[in-house]
Amino acid sequence: MAQTLDTDSAYKITKSVSLSSEYNTKETEFGDGYRQIAIDGINYEKEVWSLEFVALDSTASLALETILKTSLNGTSNYLSWTPPRESTTKYWTAHGISSQSTEAADYWTVSCTLRREYPLV
C-alpha cells in the first residue's frame, strides 16, 4: 500500500528542488550516418527528484524520515506523490535520506532523492 507524501501542507519542500529524467531507448546506426532511436518498454521514463524539506522541528523531521525510509521496502510501501507542476500522482522510493541540524538546534532540514517506480497496482 502506498503512503502519501504530503508536500503541500505537512512537509513543505524548498524552492530548490531538481528533476532529472532519462529514457530507456534502443538505438541502431546504419552505415550512411542514419540512426534510428525507439523507446524501450512501457515504463521507459526514469525520473529522479532531489528534494529538500523546509526546516522541521525534531518530531516532524523524525516522522518524515520514517515515511521516507518505509518506502525502501520496495514491495508495497511506495510513496504516492504529485511532483510540482504536475497533476498526476506517481509512485516513488526514497534514497539518500539525510538530516542536518539548522542554526536553531531544535530544527532539522531533511533531504532525499525520490526515484519513480512502476509497481503492479
PDB file of N, CA and C in Angstrom:
ATOM      1  N   MET A   1       0.842  -1.183   0.000  1.00  0.00           N
ATOM      2  CA  MET A   1       0.000   0.000   0.000  1.00  0.00           C
ATOM      3  C   MET A   1       0.884   1.242   0.000  1.00  0.00           C
ATOM      4  N   ALA A   2       0.578   2.175  -0.837  1.00  0.00           N
ATOM      5  CA  ALA A   2       1.369   3.395  -0.945  1.00  0.00           C
ATOM      6  C   ALA A   2       1.003   4.362   0.169  1.00  0.00           C
ATOM      7  N   GLN A   3       2.023   5.053   0.664  1.00  0.00           N
ATOM      8  CA  GLN A   3       1.816   6.077   1.669  1.00  0.00           C
ATOM      9  C   GLN A   3       1.973   7.434   0.998  1.00  0.00           C
ATOM     10  N   THR A   4       1.047   8.353   1.274  1.00  0.00           N
ATOM     11  CA  THR A   4       1.073   9.658   0.626  1.00  0.00           C
ATOM     12  C   THR A   4       2.118  10.551   1.258  1.00  0.00           C
ATOM     13  N   LEU A   5       2.925  11.181   0.420  1.00  0.00           N
ATOM     14  CA  LEU A   5       3.897  12.168   0.868  1.00  0.00           C
ATOM     15  C   LEU A   5       3.276  13.532   0.609  1.00  0.00           C
ATOM     16  N   ASP A   6       2.851  14.209   1.666  1.00  0.00           N
ATOM     17  CA  ASP A   6       2.144  15.488   1.557  1.00  0.00           C
ATOM     18  C   ASP A   6       3.146  16.639   1.602  1.00  0.00           C
ATOM     19  N   THR A   7       3.496  17.168   0.439  1.00  0.00           N
ATOM     20  CA  THR A   7       4.454  18.280   0.387  1.00  0.00           C
ATOM     21  C   THR A   7       3.748  19.623   0.237  1.00  0.00           C
ATOM     22  N   ASP A   8       2.414  19.620   0.331  1.00  0.00           N
ATOM     23  CA  ASP A   8       1.675  20.874   0.242  1.00  0.00           C
ATOM     24  C   ASP A   8       1.404  21.482   1.614  1.00  0.00           C
ATOM     25  N   SER A   9       1.243  20.645   2.628  1.00  0.00           N
ATOM     26  CA  SER A   9       0.930  21.205   3.947  1.00  0.00           C
ATOM     27  C   SER A   9       1.808  20.640   5.052  1.00  0.00           C
ATOM     28  N   ALA A  10       1.921  19.334   5.148  1.00  0.00           N
ATOM     29  CA  ALA A  10       2.650  18.733   6.275  1.00  0.00           C
ATOM     30  C   ALA A  10       4.166  18.911   6.160  1.00  0.00           C
ATOM     31  N   TYR A  11       4.735  18.586   5.027  1.00  0.00           N
ATOM     32  CA  TYR A  11       6.179  18.638   4.832  1.00  0.00           C
ATOM     33  C   TYR A  11       6.489  19.468   3.592  1.00  0.00           C
ATOM     34  N   LYS A  12       6.654  20.748   3.769  1.00  0.00           N
ATOM     35  CA  LYS A  12       6.885  21.632   2.626  1.00  0.00           C
ATOM     36  C   LYS A  12       8.305  21.463   2.093  1.00  0.00           C
ATOM     37  N   ILE A  13       8.414  21.450   0.760  1.00  0.00           N
ATOM     38  CA  ILE A  13       9.734  21.371   0.143  1.00  0.00           C
ATOM     39  C   ILE A  13      10.209  22.780  -0.195  1.00  0.00           C
ATOM     40  N   THR A  14      11.530  22.939  -0.214  1.00  0.00           N
ATOM     41  CA  THR A  14      12.092  24.248  -0.548  1.00  0.00           C
ATOM     42  C   THR A  14      11.943  24.494  -2.043  1.00  0.00           C
ATOM     43  N   LYS A  15      12.255  25.690  -2.453  1.00  0.00           N
ATOM     44  CA  LYS A  15      12.144  26.037  -3.870  1.00  0.00           C
ATOM     45  C   LYS A  15      13.284  25.458  -4.689  1.00  0.00           C
ATOM     46  N   SER A  16      14.308  24.952  -4.032  1.00  0.00           N
ATOM     47  CA  SER A  16      15.473  24.438  -4.765  1.00  0.00           C
ATOM     48  C   SER A  16      15.380  22.922  -4.968  1.00  0.00           C
ATOM     49  N   VAL A  17      14.329  22.482  -5.644  1.00  0.00           N
ATOM     50  CA  VAL A  17      14.192  21.073  -5.994  1.00  0.00           C
ATOM     51  C   VAL A  17      14.694  20.894  -7.420  1.00  0.00           C
ATOM     52  N   SER A  18      15.106  19.680  -7.741  1.00  0.00           N
ATOM     53  CA  SER A  18      15.554  19.452  -9.112  1.00  0.00           C
ATOM     54  C   SER A  18      15.037  18.113  -9.627  1.00  0.00           C
ATOM     55  N   LEU A  19      14.812  18.082 -10.929  1.00  0.00           N
ATOM     56  CA  LEU A  19      14.324  16.892 -11.616  1.00  0.00           C
ATOM     57  C   LEU A  19      15.347  16.472 -12.648  1.00  0.00           C
ATOM     58  N   SER A  20      15.595  15.176 -12.702  1.00  0.00           N
ATOM     59  CA  SER A  20      16.468  14.608 -13.721  1.00  0.00           C
ATOM     60  C   SER A  20      15.685  13.489 -14.390  1.00  0.00           C
ATOM     61  N   SER A  21      15.626  13.508 -15.724  1.00  0.00           N
ATOM     62  CA  SER A  21      14.896  12.482 -16.466  1.00  0.00           C
ATOM     63  C   SER A  21      15.805  11.811 -17.474  1.00  0.00           C
ATOM     64  N   GLU A  22      15.646  10.506 -17.604  1.00  0.00           N
ATOM     65  CA  GLU A  22      16.330   9.730 -18.630  1.00  0.00           C
ATOM     66  C   GLU A  22      15.302   8.801 -19.246  1.00  0.00           C
ATOM     67  N   TYR A  23      15.622   8.282 -20.423  1.00  0.00           N
ATOM     68  CA  TYR A  23      14.687   7.401 -21.110  1.00  0.00           C
ATOM     69  C   TYR A  23      15.405   6.146 -21.576  1.00  0.00           C
ATOM     70  N   ASN A  24      14.762   4.999 -21.366  1.00  0.00           N
ATOM     71  CA  ASN A  24      15.298   3.753 -21.907  1.00  0.00           C
ATOM     72  C   ASN A  24      15.010   3.746 -23.401  1.00  0.00           C
ATOM     73  N   THR A  25      16.054   3.641 -24.193  1.00  0.00           N
ATOM     74  CA  THR A  25      15.879   3.630 -25.648  1.00  0.00           C
ATOM     75  C   THR A  25      16.744   2.541 -26.274  1.00  0.00           C
ATOM     76  N   LYS A  26      16.383   2.208 -27.470  1.00  0.00           N
ATOM     77  CA  LYS A  26      17.201   1.317 -28.301  1.00  0.00           C
ATOM     78  C   LYS A  26      17.625   2.128 -29.506  1.00  0.00           C
ATOM     79  N   GLU A  27      18.898   2.012 -29.863  1.00  0.00           N
ATOM     80  CA  GLU A  27      19.424   2.773 -30.987  1.00  0.00           C
ATOM     81  C   GLU A  27      20.072   1.835 -32.000  1.00  0.00           C
ATOM     82  N   THR A  28      19.916   2.177 -33.261  1.00  0.00           N
ATOM     83  CA  THR A  28      20.569   1.442 -34.340  1.00  0.00           C
ATOM     84  C   THR A  28      21.191   2.455 -35.289  1.00  0.00           C
ATOM     85  N   GLU A  29      22.476   2.271 -35.576  1.00  0.00           N
ATOM     86  CA  GLU A  29      23.152   3.153 -36.524  1.00  0.00           C
ATOM     87  C   GLU A  29      23.435   2.386 -37.802  1.00  0.00           C
ATOM     88  N   PHE A  30      23.204   3.075 -38.916  1.00  0.00           N
ATOM     89  CA  PHE A  30      23.429   2.479 -40.224  1.00  0.00           C
ATOM     90  C   PHE A  30      24.698   3.077 -40.847  1.00  0.00           C
ATOM     91  N   GLY A  31      25.230   2.426 -41.846  1.00  0.00           N
ATOM     92  CA  GLY A  31      26.497   2.821 -42.454  1.00  0.00           C
ATOM     93  C   GLY A  31      26.515   4.203 -43.077  1.00  0.00           C
ATOM     94  N   ASP A  32      25.380   4.731 -43.485  1.00  0.00           N
ATOM     95  CA  ASP A  32      25.374   6.022 -44.158  1.00  0.00           C
ATOM     96  C   ASP A  32      25.146   7.195 -43.202  1.00  0.00           C
ATOM     97  N   GLY A  33      25.296   6.952 -41.874  1.00  0.00           N
ATOM     98  CA  GLY A  33      25.110   8.008 -40.885  1.00  0.00           C
ATOM     99  C   GLY A  33      23.689   8.120 -40.363  1.00  0.00           C
ATOM    100  N   TYR A  34      22.790   7.363 -40.918  1.00  0.00           N
ATOM    101  CA  TYR A  34      21.398   7.369 -40.479  1.00  0.00           C
ATOM    102  C   TYR A  34      21.290   6.598 -39.171  1.00  0.00           C
ATOM    103  N   ARG A  35      20.484   7.095 -38.265  1.00  0.00           N
ATOM    104  CA  ARG A  35      20.322   6.458 -36.962  1.00  0.00           C
ATOM    105  C   ARG A  35      18.851   6.436 -36.586  1.00  0.00           C
ATOM    106  N   GLN A  36      18.402   5.319 -36.006  1.00  0.00           N
ATOM    107  CA  GLN A  36      17.035   5.208 -35.509  1.00  0.00           C
ATOM    108  C   GLN A  36      17.073   5.049 -34.002  1.00  0.00           C
ATOM    109  N   ILE A  37      16.146   5.720 -33.331  1.00  0.00           N
ATOM    110  CA  ILE A  37      16.008   5.618 -31.881  1.00  0.00           C
ATOM    111  C   ILE A  37      14.546   5.313 -31.577  1.00  0.00           C
ATOM    112  N   ALA A  38      14.321   4.347 -30.684  1.00  0.00           N
ATOM    113  CA  ALA A  38      12.955   3.998 -30.276  1.00  0.00           C
ATOM    114  C   ALA A  38      12.931   3.794 -28.764  1.00  0.00           C
ATOM    115  N   ILE A  39      11.803   4.137 -28.151  1.00  0.00           N
ATOM    116  CA  ILE A  39      11.677   3.897 -26.714  1.00  0.00           C
ATOM    117  C   ILE A  39      11.673   2.397 -26.456  1.00  0.00           C
ATOM    118  N   ASP A  40      12.157   2.006 -25.277  1.00  0.00           N
ATOM    119  CA  ASP A  40      12.283   0.597 -24.929  1.00  0.00           C
ATOM    120  C   ASP A  40      11.393   0.279 -23.740  1.00  0.00           C
ATOM    121  N   GLY A  41      10.303  -0.400 -23.970  1.00  0.00           N
ATOM    122  CA  GLY A  41       9.422  -0.836 -22.890  1.00  0.00           C
ATOM    123  C   GLY A  41       8.283   0.134 -22.641  1.00  0.00           C
ATOM    124  N   ILE A  42       7.360  -0.288 -21.778  1.00  0.00           N
ATOM    125  CA  ILE A  42       6.211   0.565 -21.485  1.00  0.00           C
ATOM    126  C   ILE A  42       6.527   1.581 -20.387  1.00  0.00           C
ATOM    127  N   ASN A  43       7.470   1.268 -19.519  1.00  0.00           N
ATOM    128  CA  ASN A  43       7.873   2.176 -18.438  1.00  0.00           C
ATOM    129  C   ASN A  43       9.270   2.698 -18.733  1.00  0.00           C
ATOM    130  N   TYR A  44       9.387   3.422 -19.806  1.00  0.00           N
ATOM    131  CA  TYR A  44      10.693   3.831 -20.323  1.00  0.00           C
ATOM    132  C   TYR A  44      11.259   5.082 -19.663  1.00  0.00           C
ATOM    133  N   GLU A  45      10.434   5.845 -18.951  1.00  0.00           N
ATOM    134  CA  GLU A  45      10.913   7.092 -18.367  1.00  0.00           C
ATOM    135  C   GLU A  45      11.457   6.873 -16.961  1.00  0.00           C
ATOM    136  N   LYS A  46      12.675   7.363 -16.719  1.00  0.00           N
ATOM    137  CA  LYS A  46      13.284   7.327 -15.383  1.00  0.00           C
ATOM    138  C   LYS A  46      13.288   8.755 -14.860  1.00  0.00           C
ATOM    139  N   GLU A  47      12.570   8.972 -13.769  1.00  0.00           N
ATOM    140  CA  GLU A  47      12.527  10.294 -13.148  1.00  0.00           C
ATOM    141  C   GLU A  47      13.192  10.228 -11.794  1.00  0.00           C
ATOM    142  N   VAL A  48      14.000  11.219 -11.486  1.00  0.00           N
ATOM    143  CA  VAL A  48      14.639  11.324 -10.180  1.00  0.00           C
ATOM    144  C   VAL A  48      14.505  12.765  -9.704  1.00  0.00           C
ATOM    145  N   TRP A  49      13.896  12.942  -8.545  1.00  0.00           N
ATOM    146  CA  TRP A  49      13.750  14.266  -7.938  1.00  0.00           C
ATOM    147  C   TRP A  49      14.677  14.376  -6.735  1.00  0.00           C
ATOM    148  N   SER A  50      15.379  15.475  -6.624  1.00  0.00           N
ATOM    149  CA  SER A  50      16.164  15.790  -5.425  1.00  0.00           C
ATOM    150  C   SER A  50      15.361  16.806  -4.633  1.00  0.00           C
ATOM    151  N   LEU A  51      14.996  16.428  -3.420  1.00  0.00           N
ATOM    152  CA  LEU A  51      14.148  17.281  -2.588  1.00  0.00           C
ATOM    153  C   LEU A  51      14.860  17.692  -1.315  1.00  0.00           C
ATOM    154  N   GLU A  52      14.544  18.903  -0.876  1.00  0.00           N
ATOM    155  CA  GLU A  52      14.990  19.362   0.439  1.00  0.00           C
ATOM    156  C   GLU A  52      13.761  19.951   1.111  1.00  0.00           C
ATOM    157  N   PHE A  53      13.538  19.540   2.333  1.00  0.00           N
ATOM    158  CA  PHE A  53      12.346  19.969   3.053  1.00  0.00           C
ATOM    159  C   PHE A  53      12.686  21.136   3.968  1.00  0.00           C
ATOM    160  N   VAL A  54      11.751  22.066   4.079  1.00  0.00           N
ATOM    161  CA  VAL A  54      11.903  23.239   4.935  1.00  0.00           C
ATOM    162  C   VAL A  54      12.185  22.765   6.357  1.00  0.00           C
ATOM    163  N   ALA A  55      12.976  23.552   7.087  1.00  0.00           N
ATOM    164  CA  ALA A  55      13.355  23.174   8.454  1.00  0.00           C
ATOM    165  C   ALA A  55      12.145  22.736   9.276  1.00  0.00           C
ATOM    166  N   LEU A  56      12.278  21.560   9.872  1.00  0.00           N
ATOM    167  CA  LEU A  56      11.204  20.954  10.661  1.00  0.00           C
ATOM    168  C   LEU A  56      11.657  20.779  12.102  1.00  0.00           C
ATOM    169  N   ASP A  57      10.695  20.808  13.028  1.00  0.00           N
ATOM    170  CA  ASP A  57      11.092  20.525  14.405  1.00  0.00           C
ATOM    171  C   ASP A  57      11.494  19.057  14.502  1.00  0.00           C
ATOM    172  N   SER A  58      12.094  18.695  15.601  1.00  0.00           N
ATOM    173  CA  SER A  58      12.667  17.366  15.761  1.00  0.00           C
ATOM    174  C   SER A  58      11.634  16.252  15.551  1.00  0.00           C
ATOM    175  N   THR A  59      10.442  16.412  16.094  1.00  0.00           N
ATOM    176  CA  THR A  59       9.400  15.393  15.970  1.00  0.00           C
ATOM    177  C   THR A  59       8.950  15.230  14.522  1.00  0.00           C
ATOM    178  N   ALA A  60       8.705  16.343  13.834  1.00  0.00           N
ATOM    179  CA  ALA A  60       8.260  16.286  12.442  1.00  0.00           C
ATOM    180  C   ALA A  60       9.344  15.718  11.536  1.00  0.00           C
ATOM    181  N   SER A  61      10.601  16.059  11.793  1.00  0.00           N
ATOM    182  CA  SER A  61      11.681  15.536  10.949  1.00  0.00           C
ATOM    183  C   SER A  61      11.831  14.027  11.119  1.00  0.00           C
ATOM    184  N   LEU A  62      11.680  13.526  12.340  1.00  0.00           N
ATOM    185  CA  LEU A  62      11.739  12.080  12.566  1.00  0.00           C
ATOM    186  C   LEU A  62      10.569  11.370  11.885  1.00  0.00           C
ATOM    187  N   ALA A  63       9.380  11.972  11.940  1.00  0.00           N
ATOM    188  CA  ALA A  63       8.208  11.380  11.277  1.00  0.00           C
ATOM    189  C   ALA A  63       8.423  11.328   9.765  1.00  0.00           C
ATOM    190  N   LEU A  64       8.968  12.400   9.179  1.00  0.00           N
ATOM    191  CA  LEU A  64       9.234  12.431   7.743  1.00  0.00           C
ATOM    192  C   LEU A  64      10.280  11.390   7.362  1.00  0.00           C
ATOM    193  N   GLU A  65      11.343  11.273   8.143  1.00  0.00           N
ATOM    194  CA  GLU A  65      12.377  10.272   7.867  1.00  0.00           C
ATOM    195  C   GLU A  65      11.793   8.865   7.893  1.00  0.00           C
ATOM    196  N   THR A  66      10.899   8.593   8.819  1.00  0.00           N
ATOM    197  CA  THR A  66      10.257   7.287   8.914  1.00  0.00           C
ATOM    198  C   THR A  66       9.430   7.003   7.666  1.00  0.00           C
ATOM    199  N   ILE A  67       8.674   7.992   7.211  1.00  0.00           N
ATOM    200  CA  ILE A  67       7.874   7.828   5.991  1.00  0.00           C
ATOM    201  C   ILE A  67       8.787   7.522   4.809  1.00  0.00           C
ATOM    202  N   LEU A  68       9.875   8.269   4.687  1.00  0.00           N
ATOM    203  CA  LEU A  68      10.794   8.077   3.565  1.00  0.00           C
ATOM    204  C   LEU A  68      11.474   6.712   3.625  1.00  0.00           C
ATOM    205  N   LYS A  69      11.925   6.304   4.799  1.00  0.00           N
ATOM    206  CA  LYS A  69      12.617   5.016   4.942  1.00  0.00           C
ATOM    207  C   LYS A  69      11.682   3.845   4.693  1.00  0.00           C
ATOM    208  N   THR A  70      10.412   3.995   5.041  1.00  0.00           N
ATOM    209  CA  THR A  70       9.439   2.932   4.837  1.00  0.00           C
ATOM    210  C   THR A  70       9.278   2.610   3.356  1.00  0.00           C
ATOM    211  N   SER A  71       9.485   3.598   2.487  1.00  0.00           N
ATOM    212  CA  SER A  71       9.318   3.378   1.043  1.00  0.00           C
ATOM    213  C   SER A  71      10.365   2.430   0.483  1.00  0.00           C
ATOM    214  N   LEU A  72      11.430   2.188   1.211  1.00  0.00           N
ATOM    215  CA  LEU A  72      12.503   1.325   0.715  1.00  0.00           C
ATOM    216  C   LEU A  72      12.167  -0.153   0.788  1.00  0.00           C
ATOM    217  N   ASN A  73      11.013  -0.486   1.365  1.00  0.00           N
ATOM    218  CA  ASN A  73      10.567  -1.872   1.381  1.00  0.00           C
ATOM    219  C   ASN A  73      10.527  -2.401  -0.040  1.00  0.00           C
ATOM    220  N   GLY A  74      10.016  -1.576  -0.975  1.00  0.00           N
ATOM    221  CA  GLY A  74      10.054  -1.910  -2.388  1.00  0.00           C
ATOM    222  C   GLY A  74       9.025  -2.916  -2.869  1.00  0.00           C
ATOM    223  N   THR A  75       8.267  -3.495  -1.970  1.00  0.00           N
ATOM    224  CA  THR A  75       7.254  -4.441  -2.421  1.00  0.00           C
ATOM    225  C   THR A  75       5.862  -3.834  -2.389  1.00  0.00           C
ATOM    226  N   SER A  76       5.598  -3.033  -1.365  1.00  0.00           N
ATOM    227  CA  SER A  76       4.255  -2.465  -1.280  1.00  0.00           C
ATOM    228  C   SER A  76       4.239  -1.085  -0.639  1.00  0.00           C
ATOM    229  N   ASN A  77       5.328  -0.643  -0.094  1.00  0.00           N
ATOM    230  CA  ASN A  77       5.335   0.607   0.654  1.00  0.00           C
ATOM    231  C   ASN A  77       5.887   1.786  -0.144  1.00  0.00           C
ATOM    232  N   TYR A  78       5.440   1.941  -1.353  1.00  0.00           N
ATOM    233  CA  TYR A  78       5.877   3.070  -2.164  1.00  0.00           C
ATOM    234  C   TYR A  78       5.302   4.363  -1.615  1.00  0.00           C
ATOM    235  N   LEU A  79       5.922   5.477  -1.995  1.00  0.00           N
ATOM    236  CA  LEU A  79       5.370   6.781  -1.682  1.00  0.00           C
ATOM    237  C   LEU A  79       4.464   7.203  -2.838  1.00  0.00           C
ATOM    238  N   SER A  80       3.359   7.776  -2.515  1.00  0.00           N
ATOM    239  CA  SER A  80       2.448   8.339  -3.504  1.00  0.00           C
ATOM    240  C   SER A  80       2.641   9.853  -3.431  1.00  0.00           C
ATOM    241  N   TRP A  81       3.107  10.465  -4.538  1.00  0.00           N
ATOM    242  CA  TRP A  81       3.448  11.881  -4.512  1.00  0.00           C
ATOM    243  C   TRP A  81       3.183  12.512  -5.872  1.00  0.00           C
ATOM    244  N   THR A  82       2.690  13.744  -5.845  1.00  0.00           N
ATOM    245  CA  THR A  82       2.470  14.516  -7.061  1.00  0.00           C
ATOM    246  C   THR A  82       3.556  15.580  -7.149  1.00  0.00           C
ATOM    247  N   PRO A  83       4.455  15.476  -8.121  1.00  0.00           N
ATOM    248  CA  PRO A  83       5.541  16.448  -8.252  1.00  0.00           C
ATOM    249  C   PRO A  83       5.035  17.856  -8.576  1.00  0.00           C
ATOM    250  N   PRO A  84       5.870  18.866  -8.307  1.00  0.00           N
ATOM    251  CA  PRO A  84       5.498  20.243  -8.661  1.00  0.00           C
ATOM    252  C   PRO A  84       5.218  20.363 -10.164  1.00  0.00           C
ATOM    253  N   ARG A  85       4.290  21.194 -10.536  1.00  0.00           N
ATOM    254  CA  ARG A  85       3.884  21.492 -11.918  1.00  0.00           C
ATOM    255  C   ARG A  85       3.195  20.317 -12.602  1.00  0.00           C
ATOM    256  N   GLU A  86       2.830  19.287 -11.857  1.00  0.00           N
ATOM    257  CA  GLU A  86       2.152  18.134 -12.444  1.00  0.00           C
ATOM    258  C   GLU A  86       0.831  17.900 -11.732  1.00  0.00           C
ATOM    259  N   SER A  87      -0.072  17.190 -12.390  1.00  0.00           N
ATOM    260  CA  SER A  87      -1.368  16.894 -11.778  1.00  0.00           C
ATOM    261  C   SER A  87      -1.562  15.404 -11.528  1.00  0.00           C
ATOM    262  N   THR A  88      -0.606  14.584 -11.969  1.00  0.00           N
ATOM    263  CA  THR A  88      -0.723  13.143 -11.828  1.00  0.00           C
ATOM    264  C   THR A  88       0.107  12.649 -10.644  1.00  0.00           C
ATOM    265  N   THR A  89      -0.521  11.860  -9.792  1.00  0.00           N
ATOM    266  CA  THR A  89       0.191  11.240  -8.679  1.00  0.00           C
ATOM    267  C   THR A  89       0.952  10.029  -9.195  1.00  0.00           C
ATOM    268  N   LYS A  90       2.208   9.900  -8.766  1.00  0.00           N
ATOM    269  CA  LYS A  90       3.060   8.793  -9.200  1.00  0.00           C
ATOM    270  C   LYS A  90       3.622   8.089  -7.970  1.00  0.00           C
ATOM    271  N   TYR A  91       4.257   6.938  -8.200  1.00  0.00           N
ATOM    272  CA  TYR A  91       4.832   6.164  -7.103  1.00  0.00           C
ATOM    273  C   TYR A  91       6.348   6.327  -7.067  1.00  0.00           C
ATOM    274  N   TRP A  92       6.901   6.365  -5.843  1.00  0.00           N
ATOM    275  CA  TRP A  92       8.316   6.690  -5.647  1.00  0.00           C
ATOM    276  C   TRP A  92       8.922   5.867  -4.529  1.00  0.00           C
ATOM    277  N   THR A  93      10.250   5.741  -4.549  1.00  0.00           N
ATOM    278  CA  THR A  93      11.013   5.254  -3.406  1.00  0.00           C
ATOM    279  C   THR A  93      12.048   6.318  -3.080  1.00  0.00           C
ATOM    280  N   ALA A  94      12.351   6.445  -1.802  1.00  0.00           N
ATOM    281  CA  ALA A  94      13.297   7.457  -1.335  1.00  0.00           C
ATOM    282  C   ALA A  94      14.684   6.845  -1.180  1.00  0.00           C
ATOM    283  N   HIS A  95      15.692   7.600  -1.561  1.00  0.00           N
ATOM    284  CA  HIS A  95      17.087   7.163  -1.453  1.00  0.00           C
ATOM    285  C   HIS A  95      17.923   8.332  -0.945  1.00  0.00           C
ATOM    286  N   GLY A  96      19.064   8.045  -0.381  1.00  0.00           N
ATOM    287  CA  GLY A  96      19.978   9.098   0.069  1.00  0.00           C
ATOM    288  C   GLY A  96      19.351  10.039   1.070  1.00  0.00           C
ATOM    289  N   ILE A  97      18.637   9.503   2.038  1.00  0.00           N
ATOM    290  CA  ILE A  97      17.949  10.330   3.029  1.00  0.00           C
ATOM    291  C   ILE A  97      18.980  10.891   4.005  1.00  0.00           C
ATOM    292  N   SER A  98      18.947  12.211   4.206  1.00  0.00           N
ATOM    293  CA  SER A  98      19.887  12.814   5.158  1.00  0.00           C
ATOM    294  C   SER A  98      19.195  13.926   5.941  1.00  0.00           C
ATOM    295  N   SER A  99      19.693  14.162   7.139  1.00  0.00           N
ATOM    296  CA  SER A  99      19.162  15.207   8.014  1.00  0.00           C
ATOM    297  C   SER A  99      20.314  16.081   8.472  1.00  0.00           C
ATOM    298  N   GLN A 100      20.033  17.356   8.578  1.00  0.00           N
ATOM    299  CA  GLN A 100      21.062  18.277   9.033  1.00  0.00           C
ATOM    300  C   GLN A 100      20.431  19.271   9.990  1.00  0.00           C
ATOM    301  N   SER A 101      21.094  19.482  11.107  1.00  0.00           N
ATOM    302  CA  SER A 101      20.601  20.434  12.093  1.00  0.00           C
ATOM    303  C   SER A 101      20.819  21.853  11.576  1.00  0.00           C
ATOM    304  N   THR A 102      19.822  22.713  11.799  1.00  0.00           N
ATOM    305  CA  THR A 102      19.953  24.111  11.398  1.00  0.00           C
ATOM    306  C   THR A 102      20.569  24.907  12.538  1.00  0.00           C
ATOM    307  N   GLU A 103      20.701  26.208  12.345  1.00  0.00           N
ATOM    308  CA  GLU A 103      21.288  27.049  13.399  1.00  0.00           C
ATOM    309  C   GLU A 103      20.469  26.977  14.678  1.00  0.00           C
ATOM    310  N   ALA A 104      19.151  26.921  14.535  1.00  0.00           N
ATOM    311  CA  ALA A 104      18.299  26.701  15.705  1.00  0.00           C
ATOM    312  C   ALA A 104      18.323  25.198  15.949  1.00  0.00           C
ATOM    313  N   ALA A 105      19.026  24.756  16.965  1.00  0.00           N
ATOM    314  CA  ALA A 105      19.350  23.346  17.174  1.00  0.00           C
ATOM    315  C   ALA A 105      18.148  22.411  17.186  1.00  0.00           C
ATOM    316  N   ASP A 106      16.965  22.923  17.462  1.00  0.00           N
ATOM    317  CA  ASP A 106      15.790  22.069  17.529  1.00  0.00           C
ATOM    318  C   ASP A 106      15.138  21.857  16.167  1.00  0.00           C
ATOM    319  N   TYR A 107      15.685  22.449  15.102  1.00  0.00           N
ATOM    320  CA  TYR A 107      15.110  22.315  13.769  1.00  0.00           C
ATOM    321  C   TYR A 107      16.073  21.583  12.846  1.00  0.00           C
ATOM    322  N   TRP A 108      15.480  20.772  11.958  1.00  0.00           N
ATOM    323  CA  TRP A 108      16.271  19.931  11.070  1.00  0.00           C
ATOM    324  C   TRP A 108      15.814  20.116   9.628  1.00  0.00           C
ATOM    325  N   THR A 109      16.763  20.061   8.713  1.00  0.00           N
ATOM    326  CA  THR A 109      16.467  20.064   7.292  1.00  0.00           C
ATOM    327  C   THR A 109      16.673  18.642   6.795  1.00  0.00           C
ATOM    328  N   VAL A 110      15.658  18.083   6.163  1.00  0.00           N
ATOM    329  CA  VAL A 110      15.720  16.717   5.646  1.00  0.00           C
ATOM    330  C   VAL A 110      15.807  16.790   4.128  1.00  0.00           C
ATOM    331  N   SER A 111      16.684  15.985   3.541  1.00  0.00           N
ATOM    332  CA  SER A 111      16.773  15.932   2.079  1.00  0.00           C
ATOM    333  C   SER A 111      16.817  14.479   1.632  1.00  0.00           C
ATOM    334  N   CYS A 112      16.414  14.261   0.384  1.00  0.00           N
ATOM    335  CA  CYS A 112      16.400  12.904  -0.168  1.00  0.00           C
ATOM    336  C   CYS A 112      16.291  12.968  -1.684  1.00  0.00           C
ATOM    337  N   THR A 113      16.437  11.825  -2.290  1.00  0.00           N
ATOM    338  CA  THR A 113      16.221  11.659  -3.717  1.00  0.00           C
ATOM    339  C   THR A 113      15.057  10.697  -3.887  1.00  0.00           C
ATOM    340  N   LEU A 114      14.079  11.077  -4.694  1.00  0.00           N
ATOM    341  CA  LEU A 114      12.951  10.188  -4.983  1.00  0.00           C
ATOM    342  C   LEU A 114      13.111   9.635  -6.386  1.00  0.00           C
ATOM    343  N   ARG A 115      13.021   8.314  -6.503  1.00  0.00           N
ATOM    344  CA  ARG A 115      13.076   7.647  -7.808  1.00  0.00           C
ATOM    345  C   ARG A 115      11.696   7.125  -8.151  1.00  0.00           C
ATOM    346  N   ARG A 116      11.277   7.362  -9.376  1.00  0.00           N
ATOM    347  CA  ARG A 116       9.962   6.903  -9.810  1.00  0.00           C
ATOM    348  C   ARG A 116       9.952   5.399  -9.969  1.00  0.00           C
ATOM    349  N   GLU A 117       8.862   4.798  -9.499  1.00  0.00           N
ATOM    350  CA  GLU A 117       8.680   3.346  -9.587  1.00  0.00           C
ATOM    351  C   GLU A 117       7.404   3.054 -10.366  1.00  0.00           C
ATOM    352  N   TYR A 118       7.330   1.868 -10.896  1.00  0.00           N
ATOM    353  CA  TYR A 118       6.164   1.436 -11.663  1.00  0.00           C
ATOM    354  C   TYR A 118       5.632   0.130 -11.058  1.00  0.00           C
ATOM    355  N   PRO A 119       4.989   0.216  -9.884  1.00  0.00           N
ATOM    356  CA  PRO A 119       4.505  -1.021  -9.257  1.00  0.00           C
ATOM    357  C   PRO A 119       3.283  -1.583  -9.977  1.00  0.00           C
ATOM    358  N   LEU A 120       3.086  -2.874  -9.772  1.00  0.00           N
ATOM    359  CA  LEU A 120       1.856  -3.501 -10.261  1.00  0.00           C
ATOM    360  C   LEU A 120       0.772  -3.165  -9.269  1.00  0.00           C
ATOM    361  N   VAL A 121      -0.189  -2.386  -9.687  1.00  0.00           N
ATOM    362  CA  VAL A 121      -1.228  -1.920  -8.760  1.00  0.00           C
ATOM    363  C   VAL A 121      -2.500  -2.706  -8.990  1.00  0.00           C
TER     364      VAL A 121
END
